[in-house]
Amino acid sequence: MTFDYSRTVSTSASPAAIWALWSDPSTWASWDPAVVSVSLDGDFVQGASGTMVLTGGIEVPVTLEIVEPGARYLDQLVMGELVIRIDHVVAAGDSGAEVTVSTLITGPGANDIGPMVTADAPRALDALTAMAENGAV
């Protein structure tokens, strides 16, 4: 089974301001309501891994599969047989940045858990862009 979700927003924040928040996992809990904490074993680079604690105390391994500094990162969470890949892309827009976050979930029950996993995505994007617009980097 596969579940796919994507959302794009425009912001007056610069791509660099968005990237500054994305590339600092210590900020993730401040803009993503599903995240309690993230710790990486090392720098924010492709191949880095660590642990993400989600709301409800659920701890999952996280790996940065792709990191293109200033533009994109893709993280992967493994929860049993479910694999959650979240792709984050930022690009220059007409008066700031275009921010796209896409979630692909594969495995048994993906269609059932997908809406729960992505339920906070709009709030997370709104909070991320607001923080970047307000210079909270």
N, C-alpha and C. Protein backbone atom coordinates (compact mmCIF):
# COMPACT_ATOMS: atom_id res chain seq x y z
N MET A 1 0.83 -1.18 0.00
CA MET A 1 0.00 0.00 0.00
C MET A 1 0.88 1.25 0.00
N THR A 2 0.33 2.30 -0.61
CA THR A 2 1.07 3.56 -0.71
C THR A 2 0.12 4.73 -0.45
N PHE A 3 0.60 5.69 0.31
CA PHE A 3 -0.12 6.93 0.56
C PHE A 3 0.78 8.08 0.15
N ASP A 4 0.24 9.06 -0.56
CA ASP A 4 1.02 10.18 -1.08
C ASP A 4 0.29 11.48 -0.76
N TYR A 5 1.03 12.47 -0.24
CA TYR A 5 0.46 13.77 0.12
C TYR A 5 1.50 14.84 -0.19
N SER A 6 1.05 15.97 -0.73
CA SER A 6 1.97 17.07 -1.00
C SER A 6 1.25 18.39 -0.76
N ARG A 7 2.01 19.37 -0.27
CA ARG A 7 1.46 20.71 -0.04
C ARG A 7 2.54 21.73 -0.36
N THR A 8 2.14 22.80 -1.05
CA THR A 8 3.04 23.90 -1.39
C THR A 8 2.45 25.20 -0.88
N VAL A 9 3.31 26.02 -0.27
CA VAL A 9 2.89 27.34 0.18
C VAL A 9 3.91 28.37 -0.30
N SER A 10 3.43 29.60 -0.43
CA SER A 10 4.29 30.73 -0.76
C SER A 10 4.51 31.53 0.51
N THR A 11 5.69 32.10 0.63
CA THR A 11 6.02 32.92 1.80
C THR A 11 6.89 34.10 1.39
N SER A 12 6.83 35.15 2.17
CA SER A 12 7.71 36.30 1.93
C SER A 12 9.12 36.04 2.48
N ALA A 13 9.26 34.96 3.26
CA ALA A 13 10.58 34.60 3.79
C ALA A 13 11.50 34.16 2.66
N SER A 14 12.77 34.35 2.84
CA SER A 14 13.74 33.92 1.84
C SER A 14 13.95 32.41 1.92
N PRO A 15 14.38 31.80 0.82
CA PRO A 15 14.73 30.38 0.89
C PRO A 15 15.78 30.11 1.97
N ALA A 16 16.71 31.03 2.16
CA ALA A 16 17.75 30.85 3.18
C ALA A 16 17.16 30.80 4.58
N ALA A 17 16.12 31.60 4.85
CA ALA A 17 15.48 31.60 6.17
C ALA A 17 14.76 30.28 6.42
N ILE A 18 14.11 29.75 5.38
CA ILE A 18 13.45 28.44 5.51
C ILE A 18 14.50 27.38 5.75
N TRP A 19 15.56 27.41 4.96
CA TRP A 19 16.61 26.40 5.08
C TRP A 19 17.25 26.43 6.47
N ALA A 20 17.44 27.62 7.01
CA ALA A 20 18.06 27.74 8.34
C ALA A 20 17.25 26.97 9.38
N LEU A 21 15.92 27.04 9.30
CA LEU A 21 15.08 26.30 10.24
C LEU A 21 15.10 24.81 9.94
N TRP A 22 14.99 24.45 8.68
CA TRP A 22 14.99 23.04 8.31
C TRP A 22 16.29 22.35 8.70
N SER A 23 17.41 23.01 8.46
CA SER A 23 18.71 22.36 8.66
C SER A 23 19.17 22.37 10.12
N ASP A 24 18.33 22.89 11.01
CA ASP A 24 18.61 22.87 12.44
C ASP A 24 17.52 22.05 13.14
N PRO A 25 17.73 20.74 13.28
CA PRO A 25 16.69 19.89 13.86
C PRO A 25 16.23 20.31 15.25
N SER A 26 17.04 21.10 15.96
CA SER A 26 16.60 21.55 17.29
C SER A 26 15.41 22.49 17.19
N THR A 27 15.12 23.04 16.00
CA THR A 27 13.97 23.94 15.82
C THR A 27 12.70 23.20 15.41
N TRP A 28 12.82 21.96 14.98
CA TRP A 28 11.68 21.27 14.39
C TRP A 28 10.47 21.23 15.31
N ALA A 29 10.67 20.98 16.58
CA ALA A 29 9.54 20.90 17.52
C ALA A 29 8.83 22.24 17.67
N SER A 30 9.51 23.35 17.37
CA SER A 30 8.88 24.65 17.52
C SER A 30 7.95 24.99 16.36
N TRP A 31 8.09 24.32 15.22
CA TRP A 31 7.18 24.60 14.10
C TRP A 31 6.38 23.38 13.64
N ASP A 32 6.75 22.17 14.05
CA ASP A 32 6.01 20.98 13.66
C ASP A 32 5.33 20.37 14.88
N PRO A 33 4.00 20.48 14.97
CA PRO A 33 3.30 19.99 16.15
C PRO A 33 3.40 18.48 16.37
N ALA A 34 3.81 17.72 15.36
CA ALA A 34 3.94 16.27 15.50
C ALA A 34 5.28 15.87 16.12
N VAL A 35 6.23 16.81 16.19
CA VAL A 35 7.58 16.50 16.64
C VAL A 35 7.82 17.02 18.06
N VAL A 36 8.33 16.14 18.91
CA VAL A 36 8.73 16.53 20.27
C VAL A 36 10.21 16.89 20.28
N SER A 37 11.03 16.06 19.62
CA SER A 37 12.47 16.34 19.54
C SER A 37 13.09 15.51 18.42
N VAL A 38 14.26 15.97 18.00
CA VAL A 38 15.05 15.27 16.99
C VAL A 38 16.50 15.36 17.40
N SER A 39 17.20 14.24 17.34
CA SER A 39 18.64 14.27 17.57
C SER A 39 19.32 13.49 16.45
N LEU A 40 20.29 14.13 15.84
CA LEU A 40 21.07 13.48 14.79
C LEU A 40 22.45 13.15 15.33
N ASP A 41 22.99 12.04 14.88
CA ASP A 41 24.35 11.66 15.23
C ASP A 41 25.29 12.31 14.22
N GLY A 42 25.57 13.58 14.43
CA GLY A 42 26.46 14.30 13.52
C GLY A 42 25.75 15.47 12.87
N ASP A 43 26.35 15.96 11.81
CA ASP A 43 25.86 17.15 11.11
C ASP A 43 24.66 16.83 10.23
N PHE A 44 24.01 17.90 9.76
CA PHE A 44 22.85 17.79 8.87
C PHE A 44 23.36 17.56 7.44
N VAL A 45 23.74 16.32 7.18
CA VAL A 45 24.28 15.94 5.88
C VAL A 45 23.64 14.63 5.42
N GLN A 46 23.70 14.41 4.13
CA GLN A 46 23.16 13.18 3.57
C GLN A 46 23.76 11.97 4.28
N GLY A 47 22.89 11.04 4.68
CA GLY A 47 23.33 9.83 5.36
C GLY A 47 23.30 9.92 6.88
N ALA A 48 23.15 11.14 7.42
CA ALA A 48 23.08 11.28 8.87
C ALA A 48 21.83 10.57 9.40
N SER A 49 21.96 10.01 10.59
CA SER A 49 20.81 9.33 11.19
C SER A 49 20.70 9.73 12.64
N GLY A 50 19.56 9.40 13.22
CA GLY A 50 19.33 9.72 14.61
C GLY A 50 17.97 9.23 15.04
N THR A 51 17.38 9.95 16.00
CA THR A 51 16.09 9.56 16.55
C THR A 51 15.16 10.76 16.57
N MET A 52 13.91 10.51 16.17
CA MET A 52 12.87 11.52 16.26
C MET A 52 11.84 11.01 17.28
N VAL A 53 11.46 11.90 18.18
CA VAL A 53 10.41 11.58 19.14
C VAL A 53 9.16 12.33 18.69
N LEU A 54 8.10 11.57 18.44
CA LEU A 54 6.84 12.15 17.98
C LEU A 54 5.89 12.33 19.15
N THR A 55 4.85 13.13 18.94
CA THR A 55 3.82 13.32 19.95
C THR A 55 3.32 11.96 20.41
N GLY A 56 3.15 11.81 21.69
CA GLY A 56 2.74 10.53 22.24
C GLY A 56 3.92 9.69 22.69
N GLY A 57 5.14 10.25 22.57
CA GLY A 57 6.33 9.55 23.03
C GLY A 57 6.83 8.46 22.10
N ILE A 58 6.38 8.47 20.87
CA ILE A 58 6.81 7.46 19.90
C ILE A 58 8.20 7.83 19.37
N GLU A 59 9.18 6.95 19.59
CA GLU A 59 10.54 7.17 19.11
C GLU A 59 10.75 6.37 17.83
N VAL A 60 11.24 7.05 16.80
CA VAL A 60 11.49 6.37 15.52
C VAL A 60 12.86 6.77 15.00
N PRO A 61 13.54 5.84 14.33
CA PRO A 61 14.80 6.20 13.70
C PRO A 61 14.53 7.11 12.50
N VAL A 62 15.40 8.09 12.33
CA VAL A 62 15.30 9.00 11.20
C VAL A 62 16.64 9.02 10.47
N THR A 63 16.57 9.05 9.14
CA THR A 63 17.77 9.11 8.30
C THR A 63 17.57 10.20 7.26
N LEU A 64 18.60 11.02 7.05
CA LEU A 64 18.56 12.02 5.98
C LEU A 64 19.04 11.35 4.70
N GLU A 65 18.12 11.00 3.83
CA GLU A 65 18.46 10.30 2.59
C GLU A 65 19.06 11.22 1.55
N ILE A 66 18.54 12.46 1.49
CA ILE A 66 19.03 13.45 0.53
C ILE A 66 19.19 14.77 1.27
N VAL A 67 20.31 15.43 1.07
CA VAL A 67 20.49 16.79 1.56
C VAL A 67 21.16 17.60 0.46
N GLU A 68 20.44 18.58 -0.04
CA GLU A 68 20.97 19.53 -1.02
C GLU A 68 20.92 20.89 -0.34
N PRO A 69 22.04 21.31 0.29
CA PRO A 69 22.04 22.51 1.11
C PRO A 69 21.38 23.71 0.44
N GLY A 70 20.49 24.34 1.20
CA GLY A 70 19.80 25.52 0.72
C GLY A 70 18.59 25.24 -0.15
N ALA A 71 18.34 23.96 -0.50
CA ALA A 71 17.29 23.67 -1.45
C ALA A 71 16.36 22.51 -1.08
N ARG A 72 16.94 21.42 -0.53
CA ARG A 72 16.11 20.22 -0.36
C ARG A 72 16.71 19.26 0.65
N TYR A 73 15.82 18.62 1.40
CA TYR A 73 16.24 17.44 2.16
C TYR A 73 15.08 16.46 2.19
N LEU A 74 15.41 15.19 2.25
CA LEU A 74 14.43 14.12 2.34
C LEU A 74 14.81 13.27 3.53
N ASP A 75 13.87 13.16 4.48
CA ASP A 75 14.14 12.29 5.62
C ASP A 75 13.24 11.06 5.56
N GLN A 76 13.74 10.00 6.16
CA GLN A 76 13.01 8.74 6.18
C GLN A 76 12.84 8.27 7.62
N LEU A 77 11.61 7.89 7.93
CA LEU A 77 11.28 7.33 9.24
C LEU A 77 10.81 5.90 9.01
N VAL A 78 11.26 4.98 9.84
CA VAL A 78 10.84 3.59 9.72
C VAL A 78 10.09 3.21 10.99
N MET A 79 8.84 2.79 10.80
CA MET A 79 8.00 2.38 11.92
C MET A 79 7.49 0.97 11.61
N GLY A 80 8.26 0.00 12.06
CA GLY A 80 7.92 -1.39 11.74
C GLY A 80 8.03 -1.61 10.24
N GLU A 81 6.93 -2.05 9.62
CA GLU A 81 6.93 -2.29 8.18
C GLU A 81 6.58 -1.04 7.38
N LEU A 82 6.20 0.05 8.08
CA LEU A 82 5.88 1.29 7.40
C LEU A 82 7.14 2.13 7.19
N VAL A 83 7.26 2.69 6.01
CA VAL A 83 8.37 3.60 5.71
C VAL A 83 7.75 4.94 5.31
N ILE A 84 8.14 5.98 6.03
CA ILE A 84 7.63 7.33 5.78
C ILE A 84 8.78 8.17 5.26
N ARG A 85 8.62 8.66 4.03
CA ARG A 85 9.64 9.52 3.42
C ARG A 85 9.02 10.90 3.23
N ILE A 86 9.69 11.91 3.81
CA ILE A 86 9.17 13.27 3.72
C ILE A 86 10.21 14.13 2.99
N ASP A 87 9.78 14.65 1.85
CA ASP A 87 10.65 15.45 0.99
C ASP A 87 10.33 16.92 1.20
N HIS A 88 11.35 17.73 1.48
CA HIS A 88 11.21 19.15 1.77
C HIS A 88 11.99 19.92 0.70
N VAL A 89 11.30 20.79 -0.03
CA VAL A 89 11.93 21.55 -1.12
C VAL A 89 11.60 23.03 -0.95
N VAL A 90 12.62 23.86 -1.07
CA VAL A 90 12.42 25.31 -1.04
C VAL A 90 13.10 25.91 -2.26
N ALA A 91 12.41 26.85 -2.90
CA ALA A 91 12.95 27.52 -4.08
C ALA A 91 12.53 28.98 -4.04
N ALA A 92 13.28 29.82 -4.72
CA ALA A 92 12.93 31.23 -4.80
C ALA A 92 11.59 31.38 -5.50
N GLY A 93 10.76 32.26 -4.94
CA GLY A 93 9.46 32.57 -5.53
C GLY A 93 9.45 34.01 -6.00
N ASP A 94 8.29 34.49 -6.39
CA ASP A 94 8.17 35.86 -6.89
C ASP A 94 8.60 36.90 -5.85
N SER A 95 8.22 36.69 -4.60
CA SER A 95 8.58 37.67 -3.57
C SER A 95 8.95 36.96 -2.27
N GLY A 96 9.77 35.94 -2.39
CA GLY A 96 10.19 35.16 -1.23
C GLY A 96 10.51 33.75 -1.65
N ALA A 97 9.77 32.79 -1.09
CA ALA A 97 10.07 31.39 -1.36
C ALA A 97 8.79 30.59 -1.61
N GLU A 98 8.96 29.52 -2.35
CA GLU A 98 7.93 28.49 -2.52
C GLU A 98 8.43 27.29 -1.73
N VAL A 99 7.59 26.79 -0.85
CA VAL A 99 7.98 25.69 0.04
C VAL A 99 7.03 24.51 -0.23
N THR A 100 7.61 23.37 -0.55
CA THR A 100 6.81 22.17 -0.80
C THR A 100 7.28 21.05 0.11
N VAL A 101 6.31 20.41 0.76
CA VAL A 101 6.60 19.24 1.58
C VAL A 101 5.72 18.11 1.06
N SER A 102 6.35 17.00 0.70
CA SER A 102 5.65 15.84 0.16
C SER A 102 5.94 14.63 1.04
N THR A 103 4.90 13.88 1.34
CA THR A 103 5.02 12.70 2.19
C THR A 103 4.60 11.48 1.40
N LEU A 104 5.45 10.45 1.41
CA LEU A 104 5.15 9.18 0.77
C LEU A 104 5.28 8.10 1.83
N ILE A 105 4.21 7.38 2.04
CA ILE A 105 4.20 6.30 3.04
C ILE A 105 3.95 4.99 2.32
N THR A 106 4.80 4.00 2.59
CA THR A 106 4.64 2.69 1.98
C THR A 106 4.60 1.63 3.07
N GLY A 107 3.87 0.58 2.79
CA GLY A 107 3.79 -0.54 3.72
C GLY A 107 2.35 -0.83 4.10
N PRO A 108 2.16 -1.90 4.86
CA PRO A 108 0.81 -2.28 5.27
C PRO A 108 0.13 -1.18 6.08
N GLY A 109 -1.08 -0.83 5.70
CA GLY A 109 -1.84 0.20 6.42
C GLY A 109 -1.46 1.62 6.06
N ALA A 110 -0.68 1.82 5.01
CA ALA A 110 -0.23 3.16 4.64
C ALA A 110 -1.42 4.10 4.41
N ASN A 111 -2.46 3.61 3.76
CA ASN A 111 -3.63 4.46 3.50
C ASN A 111 -4.38 4.81 4.77
N ASP A 112 -4.29 3.97 5.79
CA ASP A 112 -4.96 4.24 7.05
C ASP A 112 -4.18 5.24 7.90
N ILE A 113 -2.87 5.08 7.96
CA ILE A 113 -2.05 5.95 8.81
C ILE A 113 -1.71 7.27 8.12
N GLY A 114 -1.71 7.29 6.80
CA GLY A 114 -1.33 8.48 6.05
C GLY A 114 -2.05 9.75 6.46
N PRO A 115 -3.39 9.72 6.54
CA PRO A 115 -4.09 10.95 6.95
C PRO A 115 -3.72 11.40 8.36
N MET A 116 -3.41 10.46 9.25
CA MET A 116 -2.99 10.84 10.61
C MET A 116 -1.60 11.47 10.58
N VAL A 117 -0.69 10.91 9.79
CA VAL A 117 0.68 11.42 9.71
C VAL A 117 0.70 12.82 9.12
N THR A 118 -0.15 13.09 8.15
CA THR A 118 -0.12 14.37 7.45
C THR A 118 -1.13 15.38 7.98
N ALA A 119 -1.90 15.01 9.00
CA ALA A 119 -2.95 15.90 9.51
C ALA A 119 -2.40 17.26 9.95
N ASP A 120 -1.21 17.28 10.52
CA ASP A 120 -0.63 18.54 11.02
C ASP A 120 0.23 19.25 9.98
N ALA A 121 0.33 18.69 8.78
CA ALA A 121 1.20 19.29 7.75
C ALA A 121 0.85 20.75 7.44
N PRO A 122 -0.43 21.10 7.27
CA PRO A 122 -0.72 22.52 7.01
C PRO A 122 -0.29 23.43 8.16
N ARG A 123 -0.55 23.00 9.40
CA ARG A 123 -0.14 23.81 10.56
C ARG A 123 1.38 23.92 10.64
N ALA A 124 2.08 22.82 10.35
CA ALA A 124 3.55 22.84 10.39
C ALA A 124 4.10 23.82 9.36
N LEU A 125 3.57 23.78 8.15
CA LEU A 125 4.05 24.71 7.11
C LEU A 125 3.74 26.16 7.48
N ASP A 126 2.54 26.39 8.02
CA ASP A 126 2.19 27.76 8.44
C ASP A 126 3.13 28.25 9.53
N ALA A 127 3.41 27.40 10.51
CA ALA A 127 4.29 27.80 11.62
C ALA A 127 5.72 28.00 11.13
N LEU A 128 6.19 27.10 10.26
CA LEU A 128 7.54 27.24 9.69
C LEU A 128 7.70 28.56 8.96
N THR A 129 6.76 28.86 8.06
CA THR A 129 6.88 30.08 7.27
C THR A 129 6.74 31.32 8.15
N ALA A 130 5.85 31.27 9.15
CA ALA A 130 5.71 32.41 10.06
C ALA A 130 7.01 32.65 10.82
N MET A 131 7.63 31.60 11.30
CA MET A 131 8.90 31.76 12.03
C MET A 131 9.97 32.34 11.12
N ALA A 132 10.03 31.86 9.89
CA ALA A 132 11.03 32.36 8.94
C ALA A 132 10.76 33.82 8.59
N GLU A 133 9.49 34.17 8.41
CA GLU A 133 9.13 35.56 8.08
C GLU A 133 9.46 36.50 9.23
N ASN A 134 9.36 36.00 10.46
CA ASN A 134 9.62 36.83 11.65
C ASN A 134 11.09 36.81 12.06
N GLY A 135 11.92 36.14 11.28
CA GLY A 135 13.35 36.12 11.58
C GLY A 135 13.73 35.25 12.75
N ALA A 136 12.91 34.30 13.09
CA ALA A 136 13.20 33.41 14.23
C ALA A 136 14.12 32.28 13.78
N VAL A 137 15.31 32.66 13.38
CA VAL A 137 16.26 31.67 12.88
C VAL A 137 17.46 31.62 13.80
